[in-house]
PDB file of all heavy atoms in Angstrom:
ATOM      1  N   GLY A   1      89.503 123.694  91.573  1.00  0.00           N
ATOM      2  CA  GLY A   1      88.925 125.003  91.314  1.00  0.00           C
ATOM      3  C   GLY A   1      88.365 125.153  89.914  1.00  0.00           C
ATOM      4  O   GLY A   1      88.395 126.256  89.347  1.00  0.00           O
ATOM      5  N   GLY A   2      87.899 124.053  89.342  1.00  0.00           N
ATOM      6  CA  GLY A   2      87.326 124.117  88.002  1.00  0.00           C
ATOM      7  C   GLY A   2      88.347 124.060  86.889  1.00  0.00           C
ATOM      8  O   GLY A   2      87.986 124.018  85.711  1.00  0.00           O
ATOM      9  N   ALA A   3      89.638 124.052  87.228  1.00  0.00           N
ATOM     10  CA  ALA A   3      90.695 123.994  86.216  1.00  0.00           C
ATOM     11  C   ALA A   3      91.488 122.706  86.370  1.00  0.00           C
ATOM     12  O   ALA A   3      91.565 122.123  87.453  1.00  0.00           O
ATOM     13  CB  ALA A   3      91.628 125.203  86.368  1.00  0.00           C
ATOM     14  N   VAL A   4      92.082 122.253  85.269  1.00  0.00           N
ATOM     15  CA  VAL A   4      92.890 121.038  85.265  1.00  0.00           C
ATOM     16  C   VAL A   4      94.362 121.422  85.326  1.00  0.00           C
ATOM     17  O   VAL A   4      94.838 122.252  84.554  1.00  0.00           O
ATOM     18  CB  VAL A   4      92.609 120.186  84.014  1.00  0.00           C
ATOM     19  CG1 VAL A   4      93.556 118.991  83.963  1.00  0.00           C
ATOM     20  CG2 VAL A   4      91.170 119.705  84.000  1.00  0.00           C
ATOM     21  N   ARG A   5      95.095 120.806  86.261  1.00  0.00           N
ATOM     22  CA  ARG A   5      96.517 121.108  86.426  1.00  0.00           C
ATOM     23  C   ARG A   5      97.309 119.806  86.364  1.00  0.00           C
ATOM     24  O   ARG A   5      96.947 118.812  86.979  1.00  0.00           O
ATOM     25  CB  ARG A   5      96.734 121.798  87.777  1.00  0.00           C
ATOM     26  CG  ARG A   5      98.171 122.252  88.032  1.00  0.00           C
ATOM     27  CD  ARG A   5      98.200 123.249  89.195  1.00  0.00           C
ATOM     28  NE  ARG A   5      97.673 122.660  90.416  1.00  0.00           N
ATOM     29  CZ  ARG A   5      98.420 122.040  91.333  1.00  0.00           C
ATOM     30  NH1 ARG A   5      99.727 121.927  91.146  1.00  0.00           N
ATOM     31  NH2 ARG A   5      97.871 121.548  92.427  1.00  0.00           N
ATOM     32  N   ARG A   6      98.402 119.802  85.593  1.00  0.00           N
ATOM     33  CA  ARG A   6      99.252 118.623  85.454  1.00  0.00           C
ATOM     34  C   ARG A   6     100.182 118.533  86.662  1.00  0.00           C
ATOM     35  O   ARG A   6     100.953 119.457  86.940  1.00  0.00           O
ATOM     36  CB  ARG A   6     100.094 118.702  84.179  1.00  0.00           C
ATOM     37  CG  ARG A   6      99.281 118.702  82.901  1.00  0.00           C
ATOM     38  CD  ARG A   6      98.899 117.298  82.484  1.00  0.00           C
ATOM     39  NE  ARG A   6     100.010 116.525  81.975  1.00  0.00           N
ATOM     40  CZ  ARG A   6      99.934 115.249  81.631  1.00  0.00           C
ATOM     41  NH1 ARG A   6      98.781 114.597  81.754  1.00  0.00           N
ATOM     42  NH2 ARG A   6     100.983 114.602  81.168  1.00  0.00           N
ATOM     43  N   VAL A   7     100.099 117.403  87.387  1.00  0.00           N
ATOM     44  CA  VAL A   7     100.941 117.211  88.568  1.00  0.00           C
ATOM     45  C   VAL A   7     101.485 115.782  88.561  1.00  0.00           C
ATOM     46  O   VAL A   7     100.873 114.870  87.983  1.00  0.00           O
ATOM     47  CB  VAL A   7     100.154 117.453  89.882  1.00  0.00           C
ATOM     48  CG1 VAL A   7      99.625 118.877  89.939  1.00  0.00           C
ATOM     49  CG2 VAL A   7      99.016 116.442  90.029  1.00  0.00           C
ATOM     50  N   PRO A   8     102.632 115.535  89.199  1.00  0.00           N
ATOM     51  CA  PRO A   8     103.127 114.159  89.321  1.00  0.00           C
ATOM     52  C   PRO A   8     102.174 113.332  90.197  1.00  0.00           C
ATOM     53  O   PRO A   8     101.572 113.859  91.136  1.00  0.00           O
ATOM     54  CB  PRO A   8     104.489 114.336  90.008  1.00  0.00           C
ATOM     55  CG  PRO A   8     104.853 115.767  89.806  1.00  0.00           C
ATOM     56  CD  PRO A   8     103.573 116.524  89.766  1.00  0.00           C
ATOM     57  N   SER A   9     102.051 112.052  89.910  1.00  0.00           N
ATOM     58  CA  SER A   9     101.123 111.199  90.662  1.00  0.00           C
ATOM     59  C   SER A   9     101.497 111.114  92.139  1.00  0.00           C
ATOM     60  O   SER A   9     100.636 110.876  92.985  1.00  0.00           O
ATOM     61  CB  SER A   9     101.093 109.796  90.050  1.00  0.00           C
ATOM     62  OG  SER A   9     102.388 109.210  90.075  1.00  0.00           O
ATOM     63  N   THR A  10     102.784 111.335  92.463  1.00  0.00           N
ATOM     64  CA  THR A  10     103.207 111.260  93.856  1.00  0.00           C
ATOM     65  C   THR A  10     102.648 112.408  94.690  1.00  0.00           C
ATOM     66  O   THR A  10     102.668 112.351  95.922  1.00  0.00           O
ATOM     67  CB  THR A  10     104.747 111.286  93.945  1.00  0.00           C
ATOM     68  OG1 THR A  10     105.247 112.397  93.193  1.00  0.00           O
ATOM     69  CG2 THR A  10     105.337 109.994  93.416  1.00  0.00           C
ATOM     70  N   GLU A  11     102.160 113.452  94.031  1.00  0.00           N
ATOM     71  CA  GLU A  11     101.582 114.586  94.757  1.00  0.00           C
ATOM     72  C   GLU A  11     100.095 114.400  95.049  1.00  0.00           C
ATOM     73  O   GLU A  11      99.504 115.201  95.782  1.00  0.00           O
ATOM     74  CB  GLU A  11     101.790 115.887  93.974  1.00  0.00           C
ATOM     75  CG  GLU A  11     103.249 116.317  93.868  1.00  0.00           C
ATOM     76  CD  GLU A  11     103.397 117.666  93.190  1.00  0.00           C
ATOM     77  OE1 GLU A  11     102.351 118.345  92.983  1.00  0.00           O
ATOM     78  OE2 GLU A  11     104.538 118.039  92.846  1.00  0.00           O
ATOM     79  N   LEU A  12      99.492 113.356  94.470  1.00  0.00           N
ATOM     80  CA  LEU A  12      98.065 113.133  94.677  1.00  0.00           C
ATOM     81  C   LEU A  12      97.810 112.609  96.084  1.00  0.00           C
ATOM     82  O   LEU A  12      98.592 111.818  96.617  1.00  0.00           O
ATOM     83  CB  LEU A  12      97.529 112.138  93.649  1.00  0.00           C
ATOM     84  CG  LEU A  12      97.552 112.594  92.178  1.00  0.00           C
ATOM     85  CD1 LEU A  12      97.085 111.464  91.276  1.00  0.00           C
ATOM     86  CD2 LEU A  12      96.673 113.827  91.979  1.00  0.00           C
ATOM     87  N   ARG A  13      96.712 113.052  96.657  1.00  0.00           N
ATOM     88  CA  ARG A  13      96.312 112.616  97.979  1.00  0.00           C
ATOM     89  C   ARG A  13      94.869 112.118  97.945  1.00  0.00           C
ATOM     90  O   ARG A  13      94.117 112.417  97.010  1.00  0.00           O
ATOM     91  CB  ARG A  13      96.445 113.756  99.001  1.00  0.00           C
ATOM     92  CG  ARG A  13      97.879 114.223  99.228  1.00  0.00           C
ATOM     93  CD  ARG A  13      98.717 113.139  99.885  1.00  0.00           C
ATOM     94  NE  ARG A  13     100.092 113.560 100.155  1.00  0.00           N
ATOM     95  CZ  ARG A  13     101.110 113.429  99.315  1.00  0.00           C
ATOM     96  NH1 ARG A  13     100.894 112.879  98.122  1.00  0.00           N
ATOM     97  NH2 ARG A  13     102.327 113.809  99.656  1.00  0.00           N
ATOM     98  N   LYS A  14      94.510 111.362  98.971  1.00  0.00           N
ATOM     99  CA  LYS A  14      93.152 110.832  99.060  1.00  0.00           C
ATOM    100  C   LYS A  14      92.145 111.981  98.968  1.00  0.00           C
ATOM    101  O   LYS A  14      92.274 112.997  99.656  1.00  0.00           O
ATOM    102  CB  LYS A  14      92.982 110.089 100.382  1.00  0.00           C
ATOM    103  CG  LYS A  14      91.676 109.318 100.503  1.00  0.00           C
ATOM    104  CD  LYS A  14      91.552 108.647 101.856  1.00  0.00           C
ATOM    105  CE  LYS A  14      92.617 107.601 102.069  1.00  0.00           C
ATOM    106  NZ  LYS A  14      92.435 106.860 103.348  1.00  0.00           N
ATOM    107  N   GLY A  15      91.148 111.801  98.094  1.00  0.00           N
ATOM    108  CA  GLY A  15      90.116 112.821  97.913  1.00  0.00           C
ATOM    109  C   GLY A  15      90.318 113.697  96.698  1.00  0.00           C
ATOM    110  O   GLY A  15      89.378 114.382  96.258  1.00  0.00           O
ATOM    111  N   ASP A  16      91.530 113.697  96.107  1.00  0.00           N
ATOM    112  CA  ASP A  16      91.770 114.499  94.900  1.00  0.00           C
ATOM    113  C   ASP A  16      90.969 113.946  93.719  1.00  0.00           C
ATOM    114  O   ASP A  16      90.733 112.732  93.624  1.00  0.00           O
ATOM    115  CB  ASP A  16      93.260 114.506  94.543  1.00  0.00           C
ATOM    116  CG  ASP A  16      94.087 115.337  95.510  1.00  0.00           C
ATOM    117  OD1 ASP A  16      93.479 116.130  96.243  1.00  0.00           O
ATOM    118  OD2 ASP A  16      95.328 115.188  95.524  1.00  0.00           O
ATOM    119  N   ILE A  17      90.575 114.854  92.822  1.00  0.00           N
ATOM    120  CA  ILE A  17      89.834 114.463  91.617  1.00  0.00           C
ATOM    121  C   ILE A  17      90.763 114.592  90.416  1.00  0.00           C
ATOM    122  O   ILE A  17      91.425 115.631  90.238  1.00  0.00           O
ATOM    123  CB  ILE A  17      88.587 115.354  91.393  1.00  0.00           C
ATOM    124  CG1 ILE A  17      87.709 115.388  92.653  1.00  0.00           C
ATOM    125  CG2 ILE A  17      87.787 114.861  90.191  1.00  0.00           C
ATOM    126  CD1 ILE A  17      87.125 114.066  93.039  1.00  0.00           C
ATOM    127  N   VAL A  18      90.827 113.537  89.598  1.00  0.00           N
ATOM    128  CA  VAL A  18      91.655 113.574  88.391  1.00  0.00           C
ATOM    129  C   VAL A  18      90.811 113.204  87.176  1.00  0.00           C
ATOM    130  O   VAL A  18      89.820 112.472  87.286  1.00  0.00           O
ATOM    131  CB  VAL A  18      92.866 112.615  88.494  1.00  0.00           C
ATOM    132  CG1 VAL A  18      93.812 113.061  89.585  1.00  0.00           C
ATOM    133  CG2 VAL A  18      92.409 111.187  88.726  1.00  0.00           C
ATOM    134  N   VAL A  19      91.219 113.737  86.016  1.00  0.00           N
ATOM    135  CA  VAL A  19      90.576 113.421  84.744  1.00  0.00           C
ATOM    136  C   VAL A  19      91.538 112.549  83.947  1.00  0.00           C
ATOM    137  O   VAL A  19      92.713 112.903  83.772  1.00  0.00           O
ATOM    138  CB  VAL A  19      90.242 114.701  83.958  1.00  0.00           C
ATOM    139  CG1 VAL A  19      89.588 114.340  82.622  1.00  0.00           C
ATOM    140  CG2 VAL A  19      89.334 115.614  84.766  1.00  0.00           C
ATOM    141  N   ILE A  20      91.060 111.403  83.488  1.00  0.00           N
ATOM    142  CA  ILE A  20      91.916 110.458  82.763  1.00  0.00           C
ATOM    143  C   ILE A  20      91.301 110.194  81.401  1.00  0.00           C
ATOM    144  O   ILE A  20      90.142 109.768  81.298  1.00  0.00           O
ATOM    145  CB  ILE A  20      92.076 109.136  83.528  1.00  0.00           C
ATOM    146  CG1 ILE A  20      92.412 109.405  85.002  1.00  0.00           C
ATOM    147  CG2 ILE A  20      93.157 108.274  82.897  1.00  0.00           C
ATOM    148  CD1 ILE A  20      92.311 108.193  85.891  1.00  0.00           C
ATOM    149  N   SER A  21      92.060 110.448  80.352  1.00  0.00           N
ATOM    150  CA  SER A  21      91.565 110.298  78.986  1.00  0.00           C
ATOM    151  C   SER A  21      92.151 109.055  78.333  1.00  0.00           C
ATOM    152  O   SER A  21      93.031 108.390  78.895  1.00  0.00           O
ATOM    153  CB  SER A  21      91.915 111.544  78.161  1.00  0.00           C
ATOM    154  OG  SER A  21      91.371 112.699  78.749  1.00  0.00           O
ATOM    155  N   GLN A  22      91.671 108.763  77.126  1.00  0.00           N
ATOM    156  CA  GLN A  22      92.109 107.583  76.376  1.00  0.00           C
ATOM    157  C   GLN A  22      93.631 107.574  76.225  1.00  0.00           C
ATOM    158  O   GLN A  22      94.251 108.572  75.877  1.00  0.00           O
ATOM    159  CB  GLN A  22      91.445 107.573  74.997  1.00  0.00           C
ATOM    160  CG  GLN A  22      91.839 106.377  74.139  1.00  0.00           C
ATOM    161  CD  GLN A  22      91.086 106.374  72.818  1.00  0.00           C
ATOM    162  OE1 GLN A  22      90.079 107.043  72.672  1.00  0.00           O
ATOM    163  NE2 GLN A  22      91.584 105.628  71.854  1.00  0.00           N
ATOM    164  N   GLY A  23      94.240 106.414  76.520  1.00  0.00           N
ATOM    165  CA  GLY A  23      95.676 106.250  76.372  1.00  0.00           C
ATOM    166  C   GLY A  23      96.480 106.610  77.600  1.00  0.00           C
ATOM    167  O   GLY A  23      97.680 106.331  77.653  1.00  0.00           O
ATOM    168  N   GLU A  24      95.857 107.213  78.599  1.00  0.00           N
ATOM    169  CA  GLU A  24      96.581 107.640  79.793  1.00  0.00           C
ATOM    170  C   GLU A  24      96.538 106.568  80.877  1.00  0.00           C
ATOM    171  O   GLU A  24      95.584 105.789  80.959  1.00  0.00           O
ATOM    172  CB  GLU A  24      96.003 108.945  80.340  1.00  0.00           C
ATOM    173  CG  GLU A  24      96.212 110.132  79.416  1.00  0.00           C
ATOM    174  CD  GLU A  24      95.631 111.417  79.986  1.00  0.00           C
ATOM    175  OE1 GLU A  24      94.733 111.348  80.860  1.00  0.00           O
ATOM    176  OE2 GLU A  24      96.070 112.497  79.550  1.00  0.00           O
ATOM    177  N   LEU A  25      97.573 106.559  81.733  1.00  0.00           N
ATOM    178  CA  LEU A  25      97.610 105.644  82.866  1.00  0.00           C
ATOM    179  C   LEU A  25      96.816 106.218  84.032  1.00  0.00           C
ATOM    180  O   LEU A  25      96.806 107.433  84.245  1.00  0.00           O
ATOM    181  CB  LEU A  25      99.053 105.405  83.315  1.00  0.00           C
ATOM    182  CG  LEU A  25      99.947 104.569  82.390  1.00  0.00           C
ATOM    183  CD1 LEU A  25     101.373 104.582  82.908  1.00  0.00           C
ATOM    184  CD2 LEU A  25      99.442 103.143  82.291  1.00  0.00           C
ATOM    185  N   VAL A  26      96.165 105.321  84.763  1.00  0.00           N
ATOM    186  CA  VAL A  26      95.473 105.738  85.983  1.00  0.00           C
ATOM    187  C   VAL A  26      96.555 106.056  87.015  1.00  0.00           C
ATOM    188  O   VAL A  26      97.369 105.194  87.346  1.00  0.00           O
ATOM    189  CB  VAL A  26      94.541 104.617  86.495  1.00  0.00           C
ATOM    190  CG1 VAL A  26      93.891 105.024  87.807  1.00  0.00           C
ATOM    191  CG2 VAL A  26      93.476 104.301  85.453  1.00  0.00           C
ATOM    192  N   PRO A  27      96.611 107.295  87.534  1.00  0.00           N
ATOM    193  CA  PRO A  27      97.722 107.702  88.403  1.00  0.00           C
ATOM    194  C   PRO A  27      97.676 107.145  89.821  1.00  0.00           C
ATOM    195  O   PRO A  27      98.657 107.206  90.547  1.00  0.00           O
ATOM    196  CB  PRO A  27      97.607 109.225  88.415  1.00  0.00           C
ATOM    197  CG  PRO A  27      96.155 109.486  88.198  1.00  0.00           C
ATOM    198  CD  PRO A  27      95.671 108.405  87.283  1.00  0.00           C
ATOM    199  N   GLY A  28      96.540 106.615  90.240  1.00  0.00           N
ATOM    200  CA  GLY A  28      96.429 106.075  91.591  1.00  0.00           C
ATOM    201  C   GLY A  28      95.104 105.370  91.778  1.00  0.00           C
ATOM    202  O   GLY A  28      94.193 105.491  90.948  1.00  0.00           O
ATOM    203  N   ASP A  29      94.982 104.615  92.874  1.00  0.00           N
ATOM    204  CA  ASP A  29      93.725 103.920  93.153  1.00  0.00           C
ATOM    205  C   ASP A  29      92.604 104.937  93.338  1.00  0.00           C
ATOM    206  O   ASP A  29      92.803 105.996  93.950  1.00  0.00           O
ATOM    207  CB  ASP A  29      93.855 103.089  94.429  1.00  0.00           C
ATOM    208  CG  ASP A  29      94.802 101.925  94.269  1.00  0.00           C
ATOM    209  OD1 ASP A  29      95.311 101.734  93.155  1.00  0.00           O
ATOM    210  OD2 ASP A  29      95.043 101.222  95.266  1.00  0.00           O
ATOM    211  N   GLY A  30      91.429 104.593  92.849  1.00  0.00           N
ATOM    212  CA  GLY A  30      90.314 105.516  93.009  1.00  0.00           C
ATOM    213  C   GLY A  30      88.996 104.929  92.584  1.00  0.00           C
ATOM    214  O   GLY A  30      88.903 103.741  92.237  1.00  0.00           O
ATOM    215  N   GLU A  31      87.963 105.764  92.602  1.00  0.00           N
ATOM    216  CA  GLU A  31      86.622 105.381  92.181  1.00  0.00           C
ATOM    217  C   GLU A  31      86.142 106.337  91.102  1.00  0.00           C
ATOM    218  O   GLU A  31      86.314 107.561  91.221  1.00  0.00           O
ATOM    219  CB  GLU A  31      85.658 105.408  93.363  1.00  0.00           C
ATOM    220  CG  GLU A  31      85.851 104.258  94.323  1.00  0.00           C
ATOM    221  CD  GLU A  31      84.752 104.199  95.374  1.00  0.00           C
ATOM    222  OE1 GLU A  31      84.534 105.212  96.059  1.00  0.00           O
ATOM    223  OE2 GLU A  31      84.114 103.130  95.497  1.00  0.00           O
ATOM    224  N   VAL A  32      85.541 105.773  90.055  1.00  0.00           N
ATOM    225  CA  VAL A  32      84.999 106.593  88.971  1.00  0.00           C
ATOM    226  C   VAL A  32      83.778 107.337  89.499  1.00  0.00           C
ATOM    227  O   VAL A  32      82.843 106.730  90.030  1.00  0.00           O
ATOM    228  CB  VAL A  32      84.612 105.718  87.763  1.00  0.00           C
ATOM    229  CG1 VAL A  32      84.060 106.589  86.635  1.00  0.00           C
ATOM    230  CG2 VAL A  32      85.806 104.913  87.272  1.00  0.00           C
ATOM    231  N   ILE A  33      83.785 108.660  89.356  1.00  0.00           N
ATOM    232  CA  ILE A  33      82.648 109.464  89.812  1.00  0.00           C
ATOM    233  C   ILE A  33      81.873 110.074  88.656  1.00  0.00           C
ATOM    234  O   ILE A  33      80.771 110.580  88.840  1.00  0.00           O
ATOM    235  CB  ILE A  33      83.101 110.583  90.771  1.00  0.00           C
ATOM    236  CG1 ILE A  33      84.111 111.505  90.095  1.00  0.00           C
ATOM    237  CG2 ILE A  33      83.676 109.995  92.049  1.00  0.00           C
ATOM    238  CD1 ILE A  33      84.483 112.721  90.932  1.00  0.00           C
ATOM    239  N   GLU A  34      82.465 109.967  87.459  1.00  0.00           N
ATOM    240  CA  GLU A  34      81.756 110.476  86.284  1.00  0.00           C
ATOM    241  C   GLU A  34      82.311 109.809  85.039  1.00  0.00           C
ATOM    242  O   GLU A  34      83.516 109.705  84.849  1.00  0.00           O
ATOM    243  CB  GLU A  34      81.924 111.996  86.174  1.00  0.00           C
ATOM    244  CG  GLU A  34      81.113 112.620  85.037  1.00  0.00           C
ATOM    245  CD  GLU A  34      81.258 114.129  84.987  1.00  0.00           C
ATOM    246  OE1 GLU A  34      81.110 114.772  86.053  1.00  0.00           O
ATOM    247  OE2 GLU A  34      81.521 114.659  83.882  1.00  0.00           O
ATOM    248  N   GLY A  35      81.403 109.352  84.171  1.00  0.00           N
ATOM    249  CA  GLY A  35      81.814 108.771  82.902  1.00  0.00           C
ATOM    250  C   GLY A  35      81.906 107.259  82.915  1.00  0.00           C
ATOM    251  O   GLY A  35      81.621 106.594  83.920  1.00  0.00           O
ATOM    252  N   LEU A  36      82.332 106.727  81.781  1.00  0.00           N
ATOM    253  CA  LEU A  36      82.460 105.283  81.563  1.00  0.00           C
ATOM    254  C   LEU A  36      83.635 105.072  80.625  1.00  0.00           C
ATOM    255  O   LEU A  36      83.803 105.820  79.655  1.00  0.00           O
ATOM    256  CB  LEU A  36      81.164 104.734  80.970  1.00  0.00           C
ATOM    257  CG  LEU A  36      81.100 103.253  80.573  1.00  0.00           C
ATOM    258  CD1 LEU A  36      79.676 102.735  80.753  1.00  0.00           C
ATOM    259  CD2 LEU A  36      81.534 103.044  79.123  1.00  0.00           C
ATOM    260  N   ALA A  37      84.467 104.053  80.907  1.00  0.00           N
ATOM    261  CA  ALA A  37      85.637 103.821  80.063  1.00  0.00           C
ATOM    262  C   ALA A  37      86.056 102.360  80.121  1.00  0.00           C
ATOM    263  O   ALA A  37      85.753 101.643  81.074  1.00  0.00           O
ATOM    264  CB  ALA A  37      86.802 104.713  80.517  1.00  0.00           C
ATOM    265  N   SER A  38      86.772 101.933  79.066  1.00  0.00           N
ATOM    266  CA  SER A  38      87.393 100.609  79.046  1.00  0.00           C
ATOM    267  C   SER A  38      88.785 100.740  79.654  1.00  0.00           C
ATOM    268  O   SER A  38      89.540 101.649  79.303  1.00  0.00           O
ATOM    269  CB  SER A  38      87.504 100.082  77.617  1.00  0.00           C
ATOM    270  OG  SER A  38      86.231  99.867  77.062  1.00  0.00           O
ATOM    271  N   ILE A  39      89.119  99.823  80.566  1.00  0.00           N
ATOM    272  CA  ILE A  39      90.402  99.874  81.274  1.00  0.00           C
ATOM    273  C   ILE A  39      91.205  98.612  80.977  1.00  0.00           C
ATOM    274  O   ILE A  39      90.691  97.500  81.104  1.00  0.00           O
ATOM    275  CB  ILE A  39      90.201 100.002  82.800  1.00  0.00           C
ATOM    276  CG1 ILE A  39      89.262 101.158  83.135  1.00  0.00           C
ATOM    277  CG2 ILE A  39      91.540 100.149  83.497  1.00  0.00           C
ATOM    278  CD1 ILE A  39      89.824 102.522  82.920  1.00  0.00           C
ATOM    279  N   ASP A  40      92.459  98.793  80.575  1.00  0.00           N
ATOM    280  CA  ASP A  40      93.367  97.670  80.379  1.00  0.00           C
ATOM    281  C   ASP A  40      94.039  97.372  81.715  1.00  0.00           C
ATOM    282  O   ASP A  40      94.861  98.148  82.202  1.00  0.00           O
ATOM    283  CB  ASP A  40      94.414  98.041  79.328  1.00  0.00           C
ATOM    284  CG  ASP A  40      95.465  96.948  79.128  1.00  0.00           C
ATOM    285  OD1 ASP A  40      95.295  95.855  79.705  1.00  0.00           O
ATOM    286  OD2 ASP A  40      96.451  97.198  78.413  1.00  0.00           O
ATOM    287  N   GLU A  41      93.684  96.229  82.329  1.00  0.00           N
ATOM    288  CA  GLU A  41      94.229  95.855  83.635  1.00  0.00           C
ATOM    289  C   GLU A  41      95.223  94.704  83.537  1.00  0.00           C
ATOM    290  O   GLU A  41      95.497  94.025  84.513  1.00  0.00           O
ATOM    291  CB  GLU A  41      93.093  95.468  84.587  1.00  0.00           C
ATOM    292  CG  GLU A  41      92.154  96.614  84.927  1.00  0.00           C
ATOM    293  CD  GLU A  41      91.174  96.262  86.030  1.00  0.00           C
ATOM    294  OE1 GLU A  41      90.764  95.079  86.087  1.00  0.00           O
ATOM    295  OE2 GLU A  41      90.827  97.144  86.829  1.00  0.00           O
ATOM    296  N   SER A  42      95.781  94.487  82.329  1.00  0.00           N
ATOM    297  CA  SER A  42      96.655  93.327  82.123  1.00  0.00           C
ATOM    298  C   SER A  42      97.892  93.374  83.010  1.00  0.00           C
ATOM    299  O   SER A  42      98.441  92.333  83.374  1.00  0.00           O
ATOM    300  CB  SER A  42      97.073  93.237  80.654  1.00  0.00           C
ATOM    301  OG  SER A  42      97.716  94.433  80.233  1.00  0.00           O
ATOM    302  N   ALA A  43      98.346  94.584  83.372  1.00  0.00           N
ATOM    303  CA  ALA A  43      99.514  94.687  84.245  1.00  0.00           C
ATOM    304  C   ALA A  43      99.239  94.101  85.622  1.00  0.00           C
ATOM    305  O   ALA A  43     100.152  93.670  86.315  1.00  0.00           O
ATOM    306  CB  ALA A  43      99.931  96.154  84.376  1.00  0.00           C
TER     307      ALA A  43
END
């Protein structure tokens, strides 16, 4: 609804949109729909 809400990753479902900033973990598998970023995938 145009607002950002903090939720546990276990509550995310397919189709949800999340915003991920520098230093944060990607909460689930997904596709980038806006922006560009460097991702550490060493894990």
